[in-house]
Protein backbone atom coordinates (compact mmCIF):
# COMPACT_ATOMS: atom_id res chain seq x y z
CA MET A 1 139.11 105.88 180.83
CA GLU A 2 142.28 105.10 182.77
CA GLU A 3 140.58 102.89 185.33
CA VAL A 4 137.37 100.92 185.76
CA ARG A 5 135.20 101.85 188.71
CA ILE A 6 133.60 98.66 190.02
CA ALA A 7 130.52 97.90 192.12
CA ILE A 8 130.30 94.53 193.88
CA VAL A 9 126.80 93.09 194.38
CA GLY A 10 126.56 90.22 196.85
CA MET A 11 129.05 89.74 199.67
CA GLY A 12 129.36 85.95 199.31
CA ILE A 13 131.27 85.13 196.13
CA GLY A 14 131.66 88.88 195.80
CA LYS A 15 134.41 88.66 198.40
CA ALA A 16 136.69 86.56 196.16
CA ASN A 17 136.00 88.68 193.10
CA ALA A 18 136.57 91.86 195.09
CA ARG A 19 140.03 90.58 196.05
CA GLY A 20 140.77 90.11 192.36
CA PHE A 21 139.84 93.70 191.58
CA LEU A 22 141.85 95.00 194.53
CA ASN A 23 144.87 93.26 192.99
CA THR A 24 144.21 94.73 189.53
CA PRO A 25 146.00 98.09 189.13
CA ARG A 26 143.47 99.67 186.73
CA ALA A 27 140.41 98.66 188.76
CA ARG A 28 138.92 100.52 191.70
CA ILE A 29 136.05 99.31 193.85
CA VAL A 30 133.77 102.29 194.45
CA ALA A 31 130.56 100.66 195.72
CA LEU A 32 129.20 97.62 197.53
CA CYS A 33 125.60 96.37 197.39
CA ASP A 34 123.87 93.81 199.59
CA ILE A 35 120.55 93.55 201.39
CA ASP A 36 122.54 93.19 204.62
CA ALA A 37 124.33 96.48 205.35
CA GLU A 38 126.37 94.89 208.14
CA ARG A 39 127.88 92.38 205.72
CA MET A 40 128.99 95.19 203.41
CA HIS A 41 130.76 97.13 206.15
CA LYS A 42 132.36 93.94 207.46
CA LEU A 43 133.70 93.07 204.00
CA ALA A 44 134.98 96.59 203.40
CA THR A 45 136.88 96.47 206.68
CA GLU A 46 138.21 92.94 206.18
CA LEU A 47 139.52 93.63 202.67
CA LYS A 48 140.60 97.18 203.51
CA ILE A 49 138.82 98.61 200.49
CA PRO A 50 139.98 102.22 200.10
CA GLU A 51 137.62 105.12 200.59
CA PRO A 52 135.54 106.75 199.20
CA LEU A 53 133.15 103.82 199.07
CA ALA A 54 129.38 103.90 198.58
CA PHE A 55 127.05 101.36 200.20
CA TYR A 56 123.71 100.35 198.68
CA THR A 57 120.97 97.98 199.79
CA ASP A 58 118.98 98.57 196.55
CA TYR A 59 120.68 97.43 193.35
CA ARG A 60 118.41 99.64 191.24
CA GLU A 61 119.60 102.74 193.04
CA MET A 62 123.19 101.54 192.72
CA CYS A 63 122.86 101.04 188.97
CA ARG A 64 121.78 104.66 188.55
CA ASP A 65 125.04 105.86 190.12
CA ARG A 66 126.98 107.46 187.25
CA SER A 67 130.29 107.10 189.08
CA ILE A 68 130.09 103.32 188.53
CA ASP A 69 131.44 101.90 185.24
CA ALA A 70 130.97 98.17 185.80
CA VAL A 71 129.08 95.80 188.07
CA PHE A 72 129.99 92.36 189.41
CA VAL A 73 126.85 90.29 190.08
CA GLY A 74 127.31 87.74 192.87
CA THR A 75 123.74 87.25 194.10
CA PRO A 76 121.76 83.99 194.34
CA ASN A 77 120.98 82.48 190.91
CA GLN A 78 117.44 83.82 190.88
CA LEU A 79 118.69 87.42 190.94
CA HIS A 80 121.55 87.25 188.44
CA VAL A 81 119.45 88.43 185.50
CA PRO A 82 117.44 91.17 187.28
CA VAL A 83 120.60 92.78 188.67
CA ALA A 84 122.65 92.39 185.48
CA LEU A 85 119.79 93.64 183.30
CA GLU A 86 119.45 96.75 185.44
CA ALA A 87 123.19 97.34 185.12
CA VAL A 88 123.11 96.92 181.33
CA ARG A 89 120.15 99.26 181.00
CA ASN A 90 122.24 101.87 182.79
CA ASP A 91 125.20 101.33 180.41
CA LYS A 92 127.33 99.42 182.91
CA HIS A 93 129.69 96.64 181.91
CA VAL A 94 128.76 93.40 183.68
CA LEU A 95 130.64 90.45 185.17
CA VAL A 96 128.29 87.68 186.33
CA THR A 97 129.13 84.73 188.57
CA LYS A 98 128.02 81.27 187.47
CA PRO A 99 125.46 80.20 186.43
CA LEU A 100 124.22 82.92 184.13
CA ALA A 101 120.63 82.53 185.35
CA ASP A 102 118.12 80.18 186.95
CA ALA A 103 116.50 79.29 183.62
CA VAL A 104 117.06 79.64 179.87
CA ALA A 105 114.50 82.36 179.02
CA PRO A 106 115.89 85.06 181.35
CA ALA A 107 119.44 84.13 180.31
CA ARG A 108 118.53 84.76 176.67
CA ASP A 109 116.96 88.11 177.58
CA LEU A 110 120.10 89.22 179.38
CA VAL A 111 122.47 88.19 176.59
CA ALA A 112 120.34 89.97 173.99
CA ALA A 113 120.22 93.15 176.07
CA ALA A 114 123.95 93.15 176.87
CA GLU A 115 124.99 92.57 173.28
CA ALA A 116 122.57 95.22 172.00
CA ALA A 117 123.92 97.72 174.54
CA GLY A 118 127.49 97.10 173.41
CA VAL A 119 128.82 96.76 176.95
CA VAL A 120 131.51 94.28 177.95
CA ASN A 121 129.68 91.26 179.34
CA MET A 122 131.55 88.38 180.92
CA MET A 123 131.14 85.29 183.09
CA SER A 124 133.24 84.89 186.25
CA LEU A 125 134.29 81.22 185.98
CA SER A 126 136.87 80.07 188.49
CA THR A 127 137.34 76.59 186.97
CA ARG A 128 137.70 77.82 183.38
CA PHE A 129 140.30 80.38 184.48
CA SER A 130 142.26 77.94 186.66
CA ARG A 131 145.84 77.23 185.62
CA GLU A 132 145.17 73.55 184.86
CA THR A 133 142.16 74.30 182.65
CA GLN A 134 144.01 77.03 180.80
CA ILE A 135 147.02 74.75 180.19
CA VAL A 136 144.89 71.88 178.89
CA GLY A 137 142.75 74.22 176.81
CA ALA A 138 145.87 75.60 175.15
CA MET A 139 147.15 72.06 174.49
CA ALA A 140 143.87 71.10 172.87
CA ALA A 141 143.80 74.28 170.77
CA ARG A 142 147.31 73.48 169.48
CA GLY A 143 146.12 70.04 168.45
CA GLU A 144 148.29 68.16 170.94
CA LEU A 145 145.38 65.95 172.00
CA GLY A 146 144.26 65.31 168.45
CA GLU A 147 140.50 65.03 168.06
CA VAL A 148 138.82 65.25 171.47
CA TYR A 149 135.94 62.84 171.00
CA TYR A 150 134.80 62.17 174.57
CA ALA A 151 134.99 63.70 178.05
CA ARG A 152 133.96 62.90 181.61
CA ALA A 153 133.37 65.66 184.14
CA ARG A 154 132.29 65.30 187.75
CA SER A 155 132.01 67.26 190.96
CA VAL A 156 131.13 65.24 194.05
CA ARG A 157 130.79 66.20 197.70
CA ARG A 158 130.22 63.75 200.49
CA SER A 159 128.24 66.25 202.54
CA GLY A 160 128.20 69.73 201.06
CA ILE A 161 124.76 71.19 200.47
CA PRO A 162 125.07 74.97 201.05
CA HIS A 163 123.14 76.14 204.09
CA TRP A 164 123.98 79.85 204.23
CA SER A 165 121.38 81.00 201.69
CA PRO A 166 117.96 79.47 200.94
CA GLY A 167 118.37 80.44 197.28
CA PHE A 168 120.64 77.42 196.81
CA VAL A 169 117.86 74.92 197.58
CA GLN A 170 114.87 76.78 196.18
CA LYS A 171 113.60 76.56 192.60
CA GLY A 172 116.34 77.76 190.25
CA GLY A 173 119.10 76.56 192.57
CA GLY A 174 120.37 73.04 193.02
CA ALA A 175 123.58 71.08 192.77
CA PHE A 176 123.85 71.05 189.00
CA ARG A 177 123.55 74.82 188.63
CA ASP A 178 125.91 75.34 191.57
CA MET A 179 128.64 72.71 191.01
CA GLY A 180 127.88 70.95 187.74
CA VAL A 181 128.18 74.25 185.91
CA HIS A 182 131.90 74.44 186.79
CA VAL A 183 132.91 71.12 185.27
CA LEU A 184 130.41 71.35 182.41
CA ASP A 185 131.68 74.78 181.34
CA ALA A 186 135.36 73.90 181.69
CA ALA A 187 135.04 70.56 179.87
CA TRP A 188 133.02 72.11 177.03
CA TRP A 189 135.56 74.93 176.69
CA MET A 190 138.55 72.56 176.62
CA MET A 191 136.75 70.43 174.01
CA GLY A 192 136.66 73.48 171.74
CA MET A 193 133.07 74.51 172.53
CA PRO A 194 131.32 72.12 170.11
CA GLN A 195 127.65 72.60 169.27
CA PRO A 196 125.41 70.67 171.71
CA VAL A 197 122.55 68.75 170.08
CA SER A 198 120.91 66.70 172.85
CA ALA A 199 121.00 65.65 176.49
CA VAL A 200 119.71 62.71 178.48
CA ALA A 201 119.95 62.55 182.26
CA VAL A 202 118.72 61.60 185.69
CA ALA A 203 118.51 63.92 188.70
CA GLY A 204 116.79 64.19 192.04
CA ALA A 205 117.13 65.05 195.71
CA LYS A 206 117.91 62.21 198.11
CA PHE A 207 119.52 64.05 201.02
CA GLY A 208 118.49 67.72 201.17
CA PRO A 209 114.74 67.16 201.63
CA ARG A 210 115.56 64.96 204.64
CA GLY A 211 117.56 67.78 206.23
CA ILE A 212 120.88 65.93 205.87
CA GLY A 213 123.89 66.15 203.56
CA TYR A 214 124.62 69.77 204.38
CA PHE A 215 128.03 71.32 205.02
CA ASP A 216 129.62 70.28 208.32
CA TYR A 217 127.12 67.39 208.54
CA LYS A 218 124.75 69.66 210.46
CA PRO A 219 121.03 68.84 210.12
CA GLN A 220 119.01 71.62 208.47
CA PRO A 221 115.29 70.92 209.03
CA ALA A 222 114.25 74.46 208.10
CA LEU A 223 115.95 74.25 204.69
CA ALA A 224 114.53 70.77 204.16
CA GLN A 225 111.04 72.26 204.24
CA GLN A 226 111.98 74.70 201.45
CA TYR A 227 113.83 72.16 199.29
CA ALA A 228 112.76 72.43 195.63
CA ALA A 229 115.90 71.60 193.65
CA ASP A 230 118.24 68.72 192.79
CA ASP A 231 121.03 67.54 195.08
CA TYR A 232 122.43 65.25 192.37
CA ALA A 233 122.35 65.05 188.59
CA GLY A 234 124.08 62.90 186.02
CA GLY A 235 123.75 63.36 182.28
CA PHE A 236 125.17 62.78 178.85
CA ILE A 237 125.45 65.53 176.25
CA ARG A 238 125.93 64.82 172.55
CA PHE A 239 127.57 67.33 170.21
CA ALA A 240 127.19 67.98 166.49
CA ASN A 241 130.78 66.88 165.82
CA GLY A 242 130.06 63.42 167.23
CA ALA A 243 131.73 64.00 170.60
CA GLY A 244 130.08 63.19 173.92
CA LEU A 245 130.34 64.53 177.47
CA GLN A 246 129.35 62.64 180.62
CA VAL A 247 128.76 65.09 183.46
CA GLU A 248 127.89 64.45 187.12
CA SER A 249 127.24 66.70 190.09
CA PHE A 250 126.50 65.58 193.66
CA TRP A 251 126.04 67.93 196.60
CA ALA A 252 125.88 64.91 198.91
CA ALA A 253 126.67 61.22 198.40
CA HIS A 254 128.08 58.20 200.17
CA GLN A 255 131.24 58.68 198.12
CA PRO A 256 134.47 60.62 198.70
CA ASP A 257 134.83 64.20 197.51
CA ASP A 258 135.92 64.31 193.89
CA PHE A 259 136.51 66.99 191.28
CA GLN A 260 137.79 65.87 187.92
CA ILE A 261 137.62 66.34 184.16
CA GLU A 262 139.01 63.71 181.80
CA LEU A 263 139.48 64.30 178.08
CA PHE A 264 139.84 61.50 175.53
CA GLY A 265 141.76 62.52 172.40
CA THR A 266 143.05 60.59 169.40
CA GLU A 267 146.65 61.66 170.19
CA ALA A 268 146.55 62.03 173.97
CA GLY A 269 144.27 61.87 176.97
CA VAL A 270 144.23 64.11 180.03
CA ARG A 271 143.15 64.03 183.67
CA CYS A 272 143.01 67.71 184.45
CA TYR A 273 143.32 67.96 188.23
CA ASN A 274 145.10 66.59 191.31
CA PRO A 275 147.55 66.33 189.52
CA LEU A 276 147.31 67.24 185.83
CA THR A 277 148.31 64.09 183.93
CA VAL A 278 148.77 63.60 180.18
CA TYR A 279 148.64 60.08 178.72
CA ARG A 280 150.30 59.31 175.38
CA THR A 281 151.60 56.31 173.44
CA ILE A 282 155.07 56.95 171.99
CA ALA A 283 157.02 54.40 169.93
CA GLY A 284 154.56 51.73 170.95
CA ALA A 285 154.88 52.36 174.69
CA PRO A 286 152.70 54.21 177.21
CA VAL A 287 154.17 57.52 178.37
CA ASP A 288 152.52 59.46 181.22
CA SER A 289 153.48 63.03 182.10
CA THR A 290 152.43 64.43 185.48
CA PHE A 291 152.44 68.11 186.40
CA HIS A 292 151.97 69.18 190.02
CA ILE A 293 150.44 72.64 189.79
CA PRO A 294 149.96 74.42 193.13
CA LYS A 295 146.46 75.62 193.83
CA ASP A 296 146.33 79.37 193.39
CA TRP A 297 142.82 80.65 193.95
CA GLU A 298 144.06 84.21 194.37
CA GLY A 299 145.65 83.93 190.94
CA VAL A 300 142.35 82.73 189.46
CA TRP A 301 140.36 85.70 190.77
CA ASN A 302 143.16 88.05 189.72
CA ALA A 303 143.07 86.61 186.20
CA ILE A 304 139.29 87.04 185.93
CA ALA A 305 139.42 90.64 187.16
CA ALA A 306 142.39 91.55 184.97
CA HIS A 307 140.76 90.12 181.84
CA PHE A 308 137.48 91.96 182.51
CA VAL A 309 139.37 95.22 182.93
CA GLU A 310 141.48 94.75 179.79
CA CYS A 311 138.35 93.99 177.79
CA ILE A 312 136.88 97.32 178.91
CA LEU A 313 139.98 99.53 178.70
CA ASP A 314 141.93 97.89 175.87
CA GLY A 315 139.21 96.39 173.72
CA VAL A 316 140.60 92.87 174.13
CA PRO A 317 138.10 90.24 172.90
CA CYS A 318 136.33 88.65 175.86
CA GLN A 319 137.27 85.02 176.42
CA ALA A 320 134.18 84.20 178.53
CA PRO A 321 131.23 86.29 177.28
CA LEU A 322 127.73 85.88 178.65
CA ARG A 323 126.83 84.07 175.41
CA HIS A 324 129.06 81.20 176.55
CA GLY A 325 127.15 81.22 179.82
CA LEU A 326 123.90 81.04 177.85
CA ILE A 327 125.00 77.94 175.92
CA VAL A 328 126.09 76.27 179.16
CA GLN A 329 122.73 77.25 180.71
CA GLU A 330 120.90 75.63 177.80
CA MET A 331 122.89 72.42 178.33
CA MET A 332 122.20 72.47 182.08
CA GLU A 333 118.49 73.04 181.66
CA ALA A 334 118.30 70.28 179.03
CA VAL A 335 119.94 67.89 181.50
CA LEU A 336 117.46 68.83 184.23
CA GLU A 337 114.49 68.71 181.81
CA SER A 338 115.52 65.25 180.64
CA ALA A 339 115.72 64.08 184.24
CA GLU A 340 112.25 65.45 184.94
CA THR A 341 110.56 64.09 181.81
CA GLY A 342 112.51 60.87 181.33
CA ARG A 343 113.15 61.76 177.69
CA GLU A 344 116.14 62.88 175.64
CA VAL A 345 116.01 66.64 175.10
CA ALA A 346 117.07 68.26 171.83
CA LEU A 347 119.18 71.42 171.90
CA SER A 348 119.41 74.17 169.27
CA TRP A 349 122.50 76.38 168.89
């Protein structure tokens, strides 16, 4: 193989990932798949995807297309596993947007099938692959932070419940699987991916079921009637090495927008975003180092696409396999289960 022939499923987040593949020399988009044919043709025109290009409204039919080597899955949460499983069963490499699934059991099934098939399987994680996260992760891996014993991670919107797809607010959706997954995954990765052992949390829906708290502050009474997920969650995860992670996700709140991860290390502490700041004590005095890193979302999607392609063509070890997504899924579901039951939930590796 000299190139990877890619199919994009889902024209929402698929748009950003498609841009990444278009900027990757050894990738070629050969097919689009969505239940809305008009959206596919609009995206193809907007991004100027070169012909020939196949269009599918049935992912099963698409997965049988032997001209496709790999599939990006960008559907609502509830369809991540069905689409990715079909791709794996047809010997396609898979790249799946976050979260891996809408529950733990299907996530486990997918990981088992992908690993047994021997295909490259990877999560598309925009926060993990951001420049700030990569820089801090490298610092931690080099030991510059010392022992990372605690972290705080939060993603807060003042009014930002998605209203463009009912899958977001139906069972298997929710704020924690949509937004919390970003900061949970990135914090866990920067901490060195310690083994989670338990979670305790609260969660609920205070805005969405009332038809408020949606993007643009526009009331959404129709979605309110379908609401069956959280619009906020806050939890604490304990790890086998003694470290702890406080994680919060709010789709709507009477608070300003906020997106931050803070790491507490024995040699240094870090605030990861807006701007990246490192806190140290040197010669008995506090020393703070601030790095203003321009936002580069195009670079993030390019990095994800390029890594996926090099894993397939060059055999490079995958830095974000679906198994990572499974462990994050298990932590997320433990948080939500604890919130529902009012009890601490044990986790097994």
